[in-house]
Amino acid sequence: MTARLKTVLVLCTGNSARSIMAEALINSLGAGQWRAVSAGSKPTGRVNPFALAALKAAGIPPPEMPRSKSWNEFATTGAPPIDLVLTVCDSAANETCPRFHGPARVVHLPFPDPAAVEGSDTIILDAFQTVLADMQRMLPSLLMRQADCPTPR
């Protein structure tokens, strides 16, 4: 019998930049253990094009059909069970989340908001690439630690 993939729900306020990049990175690192989805408490309704450009530059496939969506989509009947909720911004971490299906453990790992950076396209893209590089350093060990944790009941 094959164990089911554990699902990580990556949360950020707008679900347009950090959570999108973390979703793509986790899916590329998942190694048959993890799959990621993402959402926001106040979704912007669009994915930041610099997030997609940073992923492309790093050779990381973007989420399939990327879109900015509400975390309420993962609290409805028929939503996938969530094993890990990963908040990547302080704002979302301080909000009251809906009740998700599954034994979700919550972990907060904040990253600076690259969408807040102003300047030329080069400066903005550099900010996105810096955050993505930080995620590439930090998320693999987080996933390994979480894989070793027993599922809460």
N, C-alpha and C. Protein backbone atom coordinates (compact mmCIF):
# COMPACT_ATOMS: atom_id res chain seq x y z
N MET A 1 0.84 -1.18 0.00
CA MET A 1 0.00 0.00 0.00
C MET A 1 0.89 1.24 0.00
N THR A 2 0.60 2.17 -0.87
CA THR A 2 1.37 3.40 -0.97
C THR A 2 0.76 4.46 -0.06
N ALA A 3 1.62 5.15 0.70
CA ALA A 3 1.14 6.23 1.56
C ALA A 3 0.72 7.41 0.69
N ARG A 4 -0.32 8.10 1.11
CA ARG A 4 -0.76 9.27 0.34
C ARG A 4 0.23 10.41 0.55
N LEU A 5 0.30 11.25 -0.46
CA LEU A 5 1.13 12.44 -0.34
C LEU A 5 0.55 13.33 0.76
N LYS A 6 1.43 13.91 1.55
CA LYS A 6 0.98 14.89 2.54
C LYS A 6 0.80 16.22 1.82
N THR A 7 -0.22 16.95 2.22
CA THR A 7 -0.52 18.22 1.57
C THR A 7 -0.11 19.39 2.46
N VAL A 8 0.64 20.31 1.87
CA VAL A 8 1.03 21.55 2.51
C VAL A 8 0.17 22.66 1.92
N LEU A 9 -0.48 23.42 2.78
CA LEU A 9 -1.20 24.61 2.35
C LEU A 9 -0.35 25.81 2.72
N VAL A 10 0.18 26.50 1.72
CA VAL A 10 1.03 27.67 1.94
C VAL A 10 0.14 28.91 1.94
N LEU A 11 0.19 29.66 3.04
CA LEU A 11 -0.67 30.83 3.18
C LEU A 11 0.11 32.13 3.23
N CYS A 12 -0.44 33.10 2.57
CA CYS A 12 0.05 34.48 2.61
C CYS A 12 -1.20 35.35 2.47
N THR A 13 -1.09 36.59 2.70
CA THR A 13 -2.28 37.43 2.62
C THR A 13 -2.85 37.49 1.20
N GLY A 14 -2.04 37.87 0.22
CA GLY A 14 -2.54 38.09 -1.13
C GLY A 14 -2.50 36.89 -2.06
N ASN A 15 -1.77 35.84 -1.69
CA ASN A 15 -1.58 34.67 -2.55
C ASN A 15 -1.21 35.09 -3.97
N SER A 16 -0.21 35.97 -4.05
CA SER A 16 0.22 36.43 -5.37
C SER A 16 1.72 36.32 -5.58
N ALA A 17 2.50 36.15 -4.51
CA ALA A 17 3.95 36.16 -4.66
C ALA A 17 4.61 35.07 -3.82
N ARG A 18 4.82 35.34 -2.52
CA ARG A 18 5.55 34.39 -1.66
C ARG A 18 4.91 33.01 -1.62
N SER A 19 3.61 32.96 -1.41
CA SER A 19 2.95 31.65 -1.31
C SER A 19 2.97 30.92 -2.65
N ILE A 20 2.89 31.64 -3.74
CA ILE A 20 2.97 31.02 -5.07
C ILE A 20 4.35 30.42 -5.29
N MET A 21 5.41 31.18 -4.93
CA MET A 21 6.78 30.66 -5.11
C MET A 21 7.03 29.47 -4.19
N ALA A 22 6.55 29.54 -2.94
CA ALA A 22 6.75 28.41 -2.02
C ALA A 22 6.00 27.18 -2.50
N GLU A 23 4.78 27.35 -3.01
CA GLU A 23 4.02 26.23 -3.56
C GLU A 23 4.81 25.53 -4.66
N ALA A 24 5.31 26.31 -5.60
CA ALA A 24 6.07 25.73 -6.72
C ALA A 24 7.33 25.04 -6.24
N LEU A 25 8.03 25.67 -5.31
CA LEU A 25 9.27 25.08 -4.80
C LEU A 25 9.00 23.77 -4.07
N ILE A 26 8.00 23.75 -3.20
CA ILE A 26 7.67 22.52 -2.47
C ILE A 26 7.28 21.42 -3.44
N ASN A 27 6.50 21.75 -4.46
CA ASN A 27 6.12 20.73 -5.43
C ASN A 27 7.33 20.20 -6.20
N SER A 28 8.33 21.04 -6.40
CA SER A 28 9.53 20.56 -7.10
C SER A 28 10.43 19.75 -6.18
N LEU A 29 10.33 19.99 -4.86
CA LEU A 29 11.15 19.27 -3.88
C LEU A 29 10.43 18.07 -3.27
N GLY A 30 9.14 17.96 -3.50
CA GLY A 30 8.28 17.02 -2.79
C GLY A 30 8.74 15.60 -2.66
N ALA A 31 9.46 15.11 -3.64
CA ALA A 31 10.05 13.76 -3.61
C ALA A 31 9.05 12.68 -3.21
N GLY A 32 7.83 12.79 -3.71
CA GLY A 32 6.85 11.75 -3.45
C GLY A 32 6.26 11.78 -2.06
N GLN A 33 6.64 12.77 -1.23
CA GLN A 33 6.10 12.86 0.12
C GLN A 33 5.12 14.01 0.28
N TRP A 34 5.40 15.12 -0.40
CA TRP A 34 4.63 16.34 -0.21
C TRP A 34 4.07 16.86 -1.53
N ARG A 35 2.91 17.46 -1.45
CA ARG A 35 2.38 18.26 -2.55
C ARG A 35 1.89 19.55 -1.92
N ALA A 36 2.04 20.62 -2.63
CA ALA A 36 1.67 21.93 -2.08
C ALA A 36 0.56 22.58 -2.87
N VAL A 37 -0.25 23.32 -2.15
CA VAL A 37 -1.26 24.21 -2.71
C VAL A 37 -1.08 25.53 -1.96
N SER A 38 -1.65 26.59 -2.48
CA SER A 38 -1.49 27.87 -1.79
C SER A 38 -2.79 28.66 -1.84
N ALA A 39 -2.89 29.61 -0.91
CA ALA A 39 -4.08 30.45 -0.83
C ALA A 39 -3.75 31.69 -0.01
N GLY A 40 -4.71 32.60 0.03
CA GLY A 40 -4.52 33.82 0.80
C GLY A 40 -5.76 34.20 1.57
N SER A 41 -5.55 34.97 2.63
CA SER A 41 -6.68 35.45 3.42
C SER A 41 -7.43 36.56 2.67
N LYS A 42 -6.71 37.34 1.90
CA LYS A 42 -7.30 38.41 1.09
C LYS A 42 -6.64 38.36 -0.30
N PRO A 43 -7.00 37.36 -1.10
CA PRO A 43 -6.32 37.17 -2.38
C PRO A 43 -6.45 38.39 -3.29
N THR A 44 -5.36 38.67 -3.98
CA THR A 44 -5.33 39.83 -4.89
C THR A 44 -6.10 39.57 -6.18
N GLY A 45 -6.30 38.30 -6.51
CA GLY A 45 -6.98 37.96 -7.75
C GLY A 45 -6.05 37.79 -8.93
N ARG A 46 -4.74 38.04 -8.71
CA ARG A 46 -3.78 37.82 -9.80
C ARG A 46 -2.44 37.39 -9.21
N VAL A 47 -1.72 36.60 -9.97
CA VAL A 47 -0.38 36.17 -9.57
C VAL A 47 0.60 37.23 -10.06
N ASN A 48 1.51 37.62 -9.19
CA ASN A 48 2.50 38.63 -9.56
C ASN A 48 3.42 38.05 -10.64
N PRO A 49 3.56 38.71 -11.78
CA PRO A 49 4.39 38.18 -12.86
C PRO A 49 5.87 38.04 -12.47
N PHE A 50 6.33 38.82 -11.50
CA PHE A 50 7.72 38.68 -11.05
C PHE A 50 7.93 37.37 -10.29
N ALA A 51 6.90 36.87 -9.62
CA ALA A 51 7.00 35.57 -8.96
C ALA A 51 7.22 34.48 -10.00
N LEU A 52 6.46 34.54 -11.08
CA LEU A 52 6.61 33.54 -12.14
C LEU A 52 7.96 33.69 -12.84
N ALA A 53 8.42 34.92 -13.02
CA ALA A 53 9.73 35.16 -13.66
C ALA A 53 10.86 34.63 -12.79
N ALA A 54 10.77 34.81 -11.47
CA ALA A 54 11.80 34.30 -10.57
C ALA A 54 11.84 32.77 -10.60
N LEU A 55 10.67 32.14 -10.61
CA LEU A 55 10.62 30.68 -10.70
C LEU A 55 11.26 30.20 -12.00
N LYS A 56 10.90 30.85 -13.10
CA LYS A 56 11.45 30.47 -14.41
C LYS A 56 12.97 30.61 -14.42
N ALA A 57 13.48 31.71 -13.89
CA ALA A 57 14.93 31.94 -13.86
C ALA A 57 15.65 30.89 -13.03
N ALA A 58 14.97 30.36 -12.01
CA ALA A 58 15.58 29.33 -11.14
C ALA A 58 15.36 27.92 -11.68
N GLY A 59 14.61 27.79 -12.78
CA GLY A 59 14.35 26.47 -13.35
C GLY A 59 13.32 25.67 -12.56
N ILE A 60 12.46 26.36 -11.82
CA ILE A 60 11.42 25.70 -11.02
C ILE A 60 10.09 25.84 -11.76
N PRO A 61 9.43 24.72 -12.05
CA PRO A 61 8.14 24.83 -12.75
C PRO A 61 7.13 25.60 -11.90
N PRO A 62 6.38 26.51 -12.50
CA PRO A 62 5.37 27.25 -11.73
C PRO A 62 4.21 26.32 -11.38
N PRO A 63 3.37 26.74 -10.44
CA PRO A 63 2.18 25.92 -10.16
C PRO A 63 1.37 25.74 -11.43
N GLU A 64 0.72 24.60 -11.53
CA GLU A 64 -0.13 24.34 -12.68
C GLU A 64 -1.31 25.31 -12.63
N MET A 65 -1.55 26.04 -13.69
CA MET A 65 -2.62 27.03 -13.75
C MET A 65 -2.61 27.94 -12.51
N PRO A 66 -1.53 28.70 -12.32
CA PRO A 66 -1.43 29.52 -11.11
C PRO A 66 -2.51 30.59 -11.04
N ARG A 67 -3.09 30.73 -9.86
CA ARG A 67 -4.09 31.78 -9.64
C ARG A 67 -4.11 32.14 -8.16
N SER A 68 -4.48 33.35 -7.89
CA SER A 68 -4.61 33.84 -6.53
C SER A 68 -5.99 33.44 -6.02
N LYS A 69 -6.02 32.68 -4.92
CA LYS A 69 -7.30 32.16 -4.43
C LYS A 69 -7.43 32.30 -2.92
N SER A 70 -8.65 32.21 -2.46
CA SER A 70 -8.96 32.36 -1.04
C SER A 70 -8.70 31.07 -0.27
N TRP A 71 -8.27 31.25 0.97
CA TRP A 71 -8.07 30.07 1.83
C TRP A 71 -9.38 29.36 2.11
N ASN A 72 -10.53 30.02 1.90
CA ASN A 72 -11.82 29.36 2.12
C ASN A 72 -12.04 28.18 1.18
N GLU A 73 -11.35 28.17 0.02
CA GLU A 73 -11.47 27.04 -0.91
C GLU A 73 -11.01 25.73 -0.26
N PHE A 74 -10.14 25.84 0.74
CA PHE A 74 -9.59 24.64 1.37
C PHE A 74 -10.30 24.30 2.67
N ALA A 75 -11.40 25.00 2.95
CA ALA A 75 -12.20 24.74 4.15
C ALA A 75 -13.59 24.23 3.77
N THR A 76 -13.79 23.90 2.50
CA THR A 76 -15.09 23.45 2.03
C THR A 76 -15.16 21.93 1.98
N THR A 77 -16.36 21.43 1.91
CA THR A 77 -16.55 19.99 1.74
C THR A 77 -15.90 19.57 0.43
N GLY A 78 -15.16 18.49 0.47
CA GLY A 78 -14.48 18.01 -0.72
C GLY A 78 -13.08 18.55 -0.90
N ALA A 79 -12.67 19.50 -0.06
CA ALA A 79 -11.30 20.01 -0.14
C ALA A 79 -10.34 18.93 0.34
N PRO A 80 -9.11 18.94 -0.16
CA PRO A 80 -8.15 17.91 0.27
C PRO A 80 -7.80 18.06 1.75
N PRO A 81 -7.50 16.95 2.42
CA PRO A 81 -7.03 17.06 3.80
C PRO A 81 -5.68 17.79 3.83
N ILE A 82 -5.51 18.66 4.79
CA ILE A 82 -4.29 19.45 4.92
C ILE A 82 -3.48 18.89 6.09
N ASP A 83 -2.22 18.55 5.80
CA ASP A 83 -1.33 18.01 6.83
C ASP A 83 -0.48 19.10 7.48
N LEU A 84 -0.15 20.11 6.70
CA LEU A 84 0.71 21.18 7.19
C LEU A 84 0.23 22.51 6.62
N VAL A 85 0.02 23.48 7.50
CA VAL A 85 -0.27 24.85 7.07
C VAL A 85 1.01 25.63 7.30
N LEU A 86 1.53 26.21 6.24
CA LEU A 86 2.76 26.98 6.30
C LEU A 86 2.44 28.44 5.99
N THR A 87 2.56 29.31 6.99
CA THR A 87 2.35 30.73 6.75
C THR A 87 3.70 31.35 6.42
N VAL A 88 3.73 32.14 5.34
CA VAL A 88 5.00 32.73 4.89
C VAL A 88 5.01 34.25 5.03
N CYS A 89 3.98 34.80 5.68
CA CYS A 89 3.98 36.24 5.99
C CYS A 89 3.36 36.45 7.36
N ASP A 90 3.86 37.47 8.06
CA ASP A 90 3.39 37.74 9.42
C ASP A 90 1.91 38.08 9.45
N SER A 91 1.43 38.78 8.46
CA SER A 91 0.04 39.19 8.44
C SER A 91 -0.89 37.98 8.45
N ALA A 92 -0.67 37.03 7.57
CA ALA A 92 -1.51 35.83 7.52
C ALA A 92 -1.35 35.00 8.79
N ALA A 93 -0.16 34.98 9.36
CA ALA A 93 0.08 34.20 10.58
C ALA A 93 -0.71 34.75 11.75
N ASN A 94 -1.02 36.03 11.73
CA ASN A 94 -1.73 36.66 12.84
C ASN A 94 -3.24 36.69 12.65
N GLU A 95 -3.72 36.12 11.55
CA GLU A 95 -5.16 36.07 11.31
C GLU A 95 -5.72 34.73 11.77
N THR A 96 -7.01 34.71 12.02
CA THR A 96 -7.67 33.46 12.39
C THR A 96 -8.02 32.72 11.11
N CYS A 97 -7.41 31.55 10.95
CA CYS A 97 -7.64 30.73 9.75
C CYS A 97 -8.99 30.03 9.84
N PRO A 98 -9.57 29.71 8.70
CA PRO A 98 -10.73 28.83 8.73
C PRO A 98 -10.30 27.44 9.19
N ARG A 99 -11.26 26.61 9.46
CA ARG A 99 -10.94 25.24 9.87
C ARG A 99 -10.76 24.41 8.60
N PHE A 100 -9.55 23.88 8.44
CA PHE A 100 -9.24 23.06 7.26
C PHE A 100 -9.47 21.60 7.58
N HIS A 101 -9.73 20.81 6.54
CA HIS A 101 -9.91 19.37 6.72
C HIS A 101 -8.55 18.74 6.95
N GLY A 102 -8.51 17.76 7.83
CA GLY A 102 -7.26 17.05 8.06
C GLY A 102 -6.58 17.46 9.35
N PRO A 103 -5.47 16.81 9.61
CA PRO A 103 -4.76 16.99 10.89
C PRO A 103 -3.74 18.12 10.86
N ALA A 104 -4.07 19.22 10.26
CA ALA A 104 -3.10 20.28 9.96
C ALA A 104 -2.28 20.75 11.17
N ARG A 105 -1.00 20.70 10.98
CA ARG A 105 -0.03 21.31 11.90
C ARG A 105 0.28 22.67 11.29
N VAL A 106 0.47 23.70 12.12
CA VAL A 106 0.73 25.05 11.61
C VAL A 106 2.17 25.44 11.92
N VAL A 107 2.88 25.91 10.89
CA VAL A 107 4.26 26.38 11.03
C VAL A 107 4.34 27.75 10.38
N HIS A 108 5.01 28.66 11.07
CA HIS A 108 5.20 30.02 10.53
C HIS A 108 6.66 30.20 10.15
N LEU A 109 6.90 30.51 8.89
CA LEU A 109 8.25 30.76 8.38
C LEU A 109 8.15 32.02 7.50
N PRO A 110 8.35 33.20 8.11
CA PRO A 110 8.13 34.45 7.37
C PRO A 110 9.26 34.79 6.40
N PHE A 111 8.87 35.38 5.30
CA PHE A 111 9.81 35.89 4.29
C PHE A 111 9.40 37.33 3.99
N PRO A 112 10.37 38.20 3.68
CA PRO A 112 10.01 39.58 3.32
C PRO A 112 9.17 39.61 2.04
N ASP A 113 8.34 40.63 1.94
CA ASP A 113 7.44 40.74 0.79
C ASP A 113 8.15 41.39 -0.40
N PRO A 114 8.51 40.61 -1.41
CA PRO A 114 9.19 41.20 -2.56
C PRO A 114 8.29 42.12 -3.37
N ALA A 115 6.98 41.93 -3.25
CA ALA A 115 6.04 42.79 -3.99
C ALA A 115 6.01 44.21 -3.43
N ALA A 116 6.56 44.40 -2.24
CA ALA A 116 6.60 45.74 -1.64
C ALA A 116 7.80 46.55 -2.14
N VAL A 117 8.72 45.89 -2.84
CA VAL A 117 9.92 46.57 -3.34
C VAL A 117 9.55 47.46 -4.52
N GLU A 118 10.10 48.65 -4.53
CA GLU A 118 9.86 49.59 -5.63
C GLU A 118 11.16 49.82 -6.39
N GLY A 119 11.03 50.17 -7.64
CA GLY A 119 12.20 50.45 -8.46
C GLY A 119 12.02 49.89 -9.85
N SER A 120 13.14 49.72 -10.52
CA SER A 120 13.12 49.18 -11.89
C SER A 120 12.73 47.71 -11.86
N ASP A 121 12.37 47.19 -13.02
CA ASP A 121 12.05 45.76 -13.13
C ASP A 121 13.20 44.91 -12.63
N THR A 122 14.43 45.32 -12.90
CA THR A 122 15.61 44.57 -12.46
C THR A 122 15.69 44.51 -10.94
N ILE A 123 15.43 45.63 -10.29
CA ILE A 123 15.47 45.68 -8.82
C ILE A 123 14.36 44.82 -8.23
N ILE A 124 13.17 44.90 -8.80
CA ILE A 124 12.04 44.12 -8.29
C ILE A 124 12.28 42.63 -8.51
N LEU A 125 12.73 42.24 -9.70
CA LEU A 125 13.01 40.83 -9.96
C LEU A 125 14.09 40.32 -9.01
N ASP A 126 15.10 41.12 -8.74
CA ASP A 126 16.15 40.73 -7.80
C ASP A 126 15.57 40.45 -6.42
N ALA A 127 14.61 41.26 -5.98
CA ALA A 127 13.96 41.05 -4.68
C ALA A 127 13.22 39.71 -4.66
N PHE A 128 12.52 39.40 -5.73
CA PHE A 128 11.81 38.12 -5.82
C PHE A 128 12.80 36.96 -5.83
N GLN A 129 13.89 37.10 -6.57
CA GLN A 129 14.89 36.03 -6.64
C GLN A 129 15.58 35.83 -5.29
N THR A 130 15.78 36.90 -4.54
CA THR A 130 16.39 36.79 -3.21
C THR A 130 15.47 36.02 -2.26
N VAL A 131 14.19 36.33 -2.27
CA VAL A 131 13.23 35.61 -1.43
C VAL A 131 13.16 34.14 -1.85
N LEU A 132 13.13 33.88 -3.14
CA LEU A 132 13.10 32.50 -3.62
C LEU A 132 14.36 31.75 -3.19
N ALA A 133 15.51 32.38 -3.25
CA ALA A 133 16.76 31.74 -2.81
C ALA A 133 16.70 31.43 -1.31
N ASP A 134 16.13 32.33 -0.52
CA ASP A 134 15.95 32.06 0.92
C ASP A 134 15.04 30.86 1.12
N MET A 135 13.98 30.78 0.35
CA MET A 135 13.06 29.63 0.44
C MET A 135 13.78 28.34 0.06
N GLN A 136 14.63 28.41 -0.97
CA GLN A 136 15.38 27.21 -1.39
C GLN A 136 16.32 26.73 -0.29
N ARG A 137 16.82 27.64 0.52
CA ARG A 137 17.70 27.26 1.64
C ARG A 137 16.91 26.70 2.82
N MET A 138 15.73 27.24 3.08
CA MET A 138 15.02 26.93 4.31
C MET A 138 13.95 25.85 4.20
N LEU A 139 13.26 25.77 3.08
CA LEU A 139 12.13 24.84 2.98
C LEU A 139 12.52 23.37 2.97
N PRO A 140 13.62 22.95 2.34
CA PRO A 140 13.94 21.52 2.38
C PRO A 140 14.09 20.97 3.80
N SER A 141 14.78 21.68 4.67
CA SER A 141 14.95 21.17 6.04
C SER A 141 13.64 21.22 6.81
N LEU A 142 12.82 22.24 6.55
CA LEU A 142 11.51 22.29 7.20
C LEU A 142 10.68 21.08 6.81
N LEU A 143 10.66 20.74 5.53
CA LEU A 143 9.88 19.58 5.08
C LEU A 143 10.42 18.29 5.67
N MET A 144 11.74 18.17 5.78
CA MET A 144 12.31 16.95 6.37
C MET A 144 11.91 16.84 7.84
N ARG A 145 11.96 17.94 8.58
CA ARG A 145 11.55 17.91 10.00
C ARG A 145 10.08 17.56 10.12
N GLN A 146 9.25 18.13 9.27
CA GLN A 146 7.81 17.88 9.36
C GLN A 146 7.46 16.45 8.95
N ALA A 147 8.21 15.89 8.02
CA ALA A 147 7.96 14.50 7.59
C ALA A 147 8.21 13.54 8.74
N ASP A 148 9.13 13.90 9.64
CA ASP A 148 9.47 13.04 10.77
C ASP A 148 8.53 13.21 11.95
N CYS A 149 7.69 14.24 11.93
CA CYS A 149 6.77 14.49 13.05
C CYS A 149 5.55 13.59 12.92
N PRO A 150 5.09 13.02 14.04
CA PRO A 150 3.85 12.26 13.96
C PRO A 150 2.69 13.20 13.64
N THR A 151 1.71 12.68 12.95
CA THR A 151 0.55 13.48 12.59
C THR A 151 -0.28 13.75 13.84
N PRO A 152 -0.65 15.01 14.10
CA PRO A 152 -1.48 15.30 15.27
C PRO A 152 -2.87 14.71 15.10
N ARG A 153 -3.48 14.39 16.17
CA ARG A 153 -4.84 13.82 16.14
C ARG A 153 -5.85 14.83 16.63
